[in-house]
Amino acid sequence: MRKLLLTLSHTAALCIGFALGVYLLPIIIQPPAPDIAAVESKLSEPVFTAYFNRNRKGSDALHWGDGEIRFFQDTIVFEGALAPGPDYRLYLVPLFVEDEAGFLAVKDQSHEVGSIKNFDRFVFDGVSALANPAYTSVVVWCETFGEFITSGQYR
């Protein structure tokens, strides 16, 4: 009985440690966030603005985003907060989606902008796909786990 209890307690501790590692590692290794004011001072007015919020159908307590994302001529700027996680990607999509199934239906028609390394601010420069009128919305997607994080419609 003692061996069974020790095995169960050690297994539980390992599982909790692994889960904490998956959650905390992206926070620990994220690079310094960009200075949004300095970036935007070199740009004109945003062409489009979209909003992420925690109330998307596909968002939950561990997968959410909240904040404003601004689209300039060829630059995307985000200020707000994203739930920390590994391997986040930003996609431009042809229609507004609010959950995993909706994004998977249009993923092959979407444009991957890049990998998100910061959870409070990020900037993508040189995004030529912004000029394409086929894209109307933006999605944050966790590539590793295939999880919808958040979305916003800008057009």
Protein backbone atom coordinates (compact mmCIF):
# COMPACT_ATOMS: atom_id res chain seq x y z
CA MET A 1 0.00 0.00 0.00
CA ARG A 2 2.84 2.36 0.88
CA LYS A 3 4.50 1.82 -2.51
CA LEU A 4 1.22 2.53 -4.29
CA LEU A 5 0.76 5.82 -2.40
CA LEU A 6 4.36 6.86 -3.11
CA THR A 7 3.94 6.03 -6.79
CA LEU A 8 0.70 7.99 -7.02
CA SER A 9 2.09 11.02 -5.18
CA HIS A 10 5.26 11.13 -7.28
CA THR A 11 3.29 10.70 -10.50
CA ALA A 12 0.98 13.54 -9.50
CA ALA A 13 3.98 15.76 -8.67
CA LEU A 14 5.55 15.01 -12.07
CA CYS A 15 2.30 15.82 -13.88
CA ILE A 16 1.89 19.10 -12.01
CA GLY A 17 5.53 20.01 -12.69
CA PHE A 18 5.15 19.27 -16.40
CA ALA A 19 1.95 21.33 -16.66
CA LEU A 20 3.59 24.27 -14.86
CA GLY A 21 6.59 24.00 -17.18
CA VAL A 22 4.42 24.12 -20.30
CA TYR A 23 2.64 27.19 -18.93
CA LEU A 24 5.62 29.08 -17.47
CA LEU A 25 8.39 28.36 -20.00
CA PRO A 26 7.00 30.71 -22.70
CA ILE A 27 6.73 33.49 -20.10
CA ILE A 28 10.28 32.94 -18.89
CA ILE A 29 11.90 32.84 -22.34
CA GLN A 30 9.93 35.64 -24.04
CA PRO A 31 12.17 38.40 -25.40
CA PRO A 32 11.77 42.03 -24.29
CA ALA A 33 8.57 43.53 -25.69
CA PRO A 34 8.95 46.15 -28.43
CA ASP A 35 8.49 49.85 -27.70
CA ILE A 36 5.12 50.41 -29.40
CA ALA A 37 5.27 54.21 -29.10
CA ALA A 38 8.62 54.32 -30.92
CA VAL A 39 7.33 52.03 -33.67
CA GLU A 40 4.08 53.94 -34.18
CA SER A 41 5.85 57.32 -34.18
CA LYS A 42 7.43 56.30 -37.50
CA LEU A 43 4.09 55.25 -39.01
CA SER A 44 1.04 57.14 -40.26
CA GLU A 45 -2.47 56.57 -38.93
CA PRO A 46 -3.67 52.94 -38.79
CA VAL A 47 -5.58 51.77 -41.83
CA PHE A 48 -7.60 49.25 -39.79
CA THR A 49 -8.15 48.38 -36.13
CA ALA A 50 -9.45 45.15 -34.63
CA TYR A 51 -10.07 44.02 -31.09
CA PHE A 52 -9.37 40.75 -29.31
CA ASN A 53 -11.58 39.90 -26.37
CA ARG A 54 -11.96 37.00 -23.97
CA ASN A 55 -15.56 36.33 -25.00
CA ARG A 56 -14.87 34.54 -28.28
CA LYS A 57 -16.75 31.28 -28.63
CA GLY A 58 -13.50 29.28 -28.92
CA SER A 59 -11.67 31.03 -26.07
CA ASP A 60 -11.57 29.66 -22.52
CA ALA A 61 -9.70 30.21 -19.25
CA LEU A 62 -6.38 29.03 -20.74
CA HIS A 63 -6.76 30.29 -24.33
CA TRP A 64 -7.75 33.95 -24.68
CA GLY A 65 -6.68 37.35 -25.90
CA ASP A 66 -7.68 40.86 -24.93
CA GLY A 67 -6.51 44.08 -26.56
CA GLU A 68 -6.22 46.19 -29.68
CA ILE A 69 -4.47 45.23 -32.89
CA ARG A 70 -3.69 48.01 -35.38
CA PHE A 71 -2.93 47.56 -39.06
CA PHE A 72 -0.77 50.09 -40.87
CA GLN A 73 0.36 50.01 -44.52
CA ASP A 74 2.61 46.97 -44.00
CA THR A 75 2.92 46.77 -40.19
CA ILE A 76 0.80 45.08 -37.52
CA VAL A 77 0.96 46.31 -33.91
CA PHE A 78 -0.71 44.64 -30.90
CA GLU A 79 -1.14 46.00 -27.38
CA GLY A 80 -3.05 44.07 -24.76
CA ALA A 81 -2.68 40.61 -23.27
CA LEU A 82 -2.62 37.05 -24.57
CA ALA A 83 -2.80 33.95 -22.41
CA PRO A 84 0.77 32.64 -22.27
CA GLY A 85 1.46 29.56 -24.32
CA PRO A 86 3.90 27.93 -26.70
CA ASP A 87 4.16 28.38 -30.45
CA TYR A 88 1.56 31.09 -31.07
CA ARG A 89 1.14 32.20 -34.68
CA LEU A 90 -0.68 35.17 -36.17
CA TYR A 91 -2.78 34.50 -39.27
CA LEU A 92 -4.68 36.74 -41.67
CA VAL A 93 -7.89 34.92 -42.60
CA PRO A 94 -10.53 35.45 -45.31
CA LEU A 95 -13.48 35.56 -42.90
CA PHE A 96 -14.16 36.16 -39.24
CA VAL A 97 -13.95 32.98 -37.15
CA GLU A 98 -14.49 32.53 -33.43
CA ASP A 99 -13.39 28.98 -32.74
CA GLU A 100 -11.09 26.11 -33.65
CA ALA A 101 -13.43 24.47 -36.16
CA GLY A 102 -14.00 27.76 -37.98
CA PHE A 103 -10.28 28.43 -38.27
CA LEU A 104 -9.42 24.91 -39.39
CA ALA A 105 -12.00 25.29 -42.19
CA VAL A 106 -10.11 28.31 -43.60
CA LYS A 107 -6.53 27.63 -42.46
CA ASP A 108 -5.39 26.52 -45.92
CA GLN A 109 -6.69 29.83 -47.37
CA SER A 110 -5.03 31.90 -44.63
CA HIS A 111 -1.71 33.73 -44.54
CA GLU A 112 0.66 33.07 -41.64
CA VAL A 113 2.18 36.40 -40.63
CA GLY A 114 4.65 35.04 -38.10
CA SER A 115 5.41 33.62 -34.69
CA ILE A 116 4.28 35.53 -31.58
CA LYS A 117 6.94 35.62 -28.85
CA ASN A 118 5.46 38.26 -26.51
CA PHE A 119 2.14 38.11 -24.72
CA ASP A 120 1.50 41.80 -24.09
CA ARG A 121 2.88 43.58 -27.19
CA PHE A 122 4.15 42.57 -30.59
CA VAL A 123 5.01 44.11 -33.95
CA PHE A 124 5.22 42.56 -37.41
CA ASP A 125 6.89 44.67 -40.13
CA GLY A 126 6.83 44.12 -43.88
CA VAL A 127 3.47 42.32 -44.03
CA SER A 128 2.69 42.56 -47.75
CA ALA A 129 -0.47 40.43 -47.39
CA LEU A 130 -2.25 43.34 -45.65
CA ALA A 131 -2.88 44.84 -49.08
CA ASN A 132 -4.83 41.72 -50.12
CA PRO A 133 -8.56 42.52 -49.77
CA ALA A 134 -9.35 38.79 -49.48
CA TYR A 135 -8.19 38.88 -45.84
CA THR A 136 -10.68 40.44 -43.44
CA SER A 137 -9.75 39.10 -40.02
CA VAL A 138 -6.86 38.03 -37.85
CA VAL A 139 -6.45 34.91 -35.68
CA VAL A 140 -4.00 33.94 -32.95
CA TRP A 141 -3.47 30.18 -33.11
CA CYS A 142 -1.37 27.77 -31.01
CA GLU A 143 0.33 25.63 -33.64
CA THR A 144 1.74 23.00 -31.25
CA PHE A 145 -1.56 22.08 -29.61
CA GLY A 146 -3.93 23.13 -32.40
CA GLU A 147 -5.77 25.54 -30.12
CA PHE A 148 -7.73 28.67 -31.03
CA ILE A 149 -6.63 31.59 -28.86
CA THR A 150 -8.51 34.65 -30.15
CA SER A 151 -9.56 36.56 -33.24
CA GLY A 152 -10.59 39.98 -34.49
CA GLN A 153 -12.21 41.40 -37.60
CA TYR A 154 -10.54 44.41 -39.20
CA ARG A 155 -12.32 44.73 -42.54
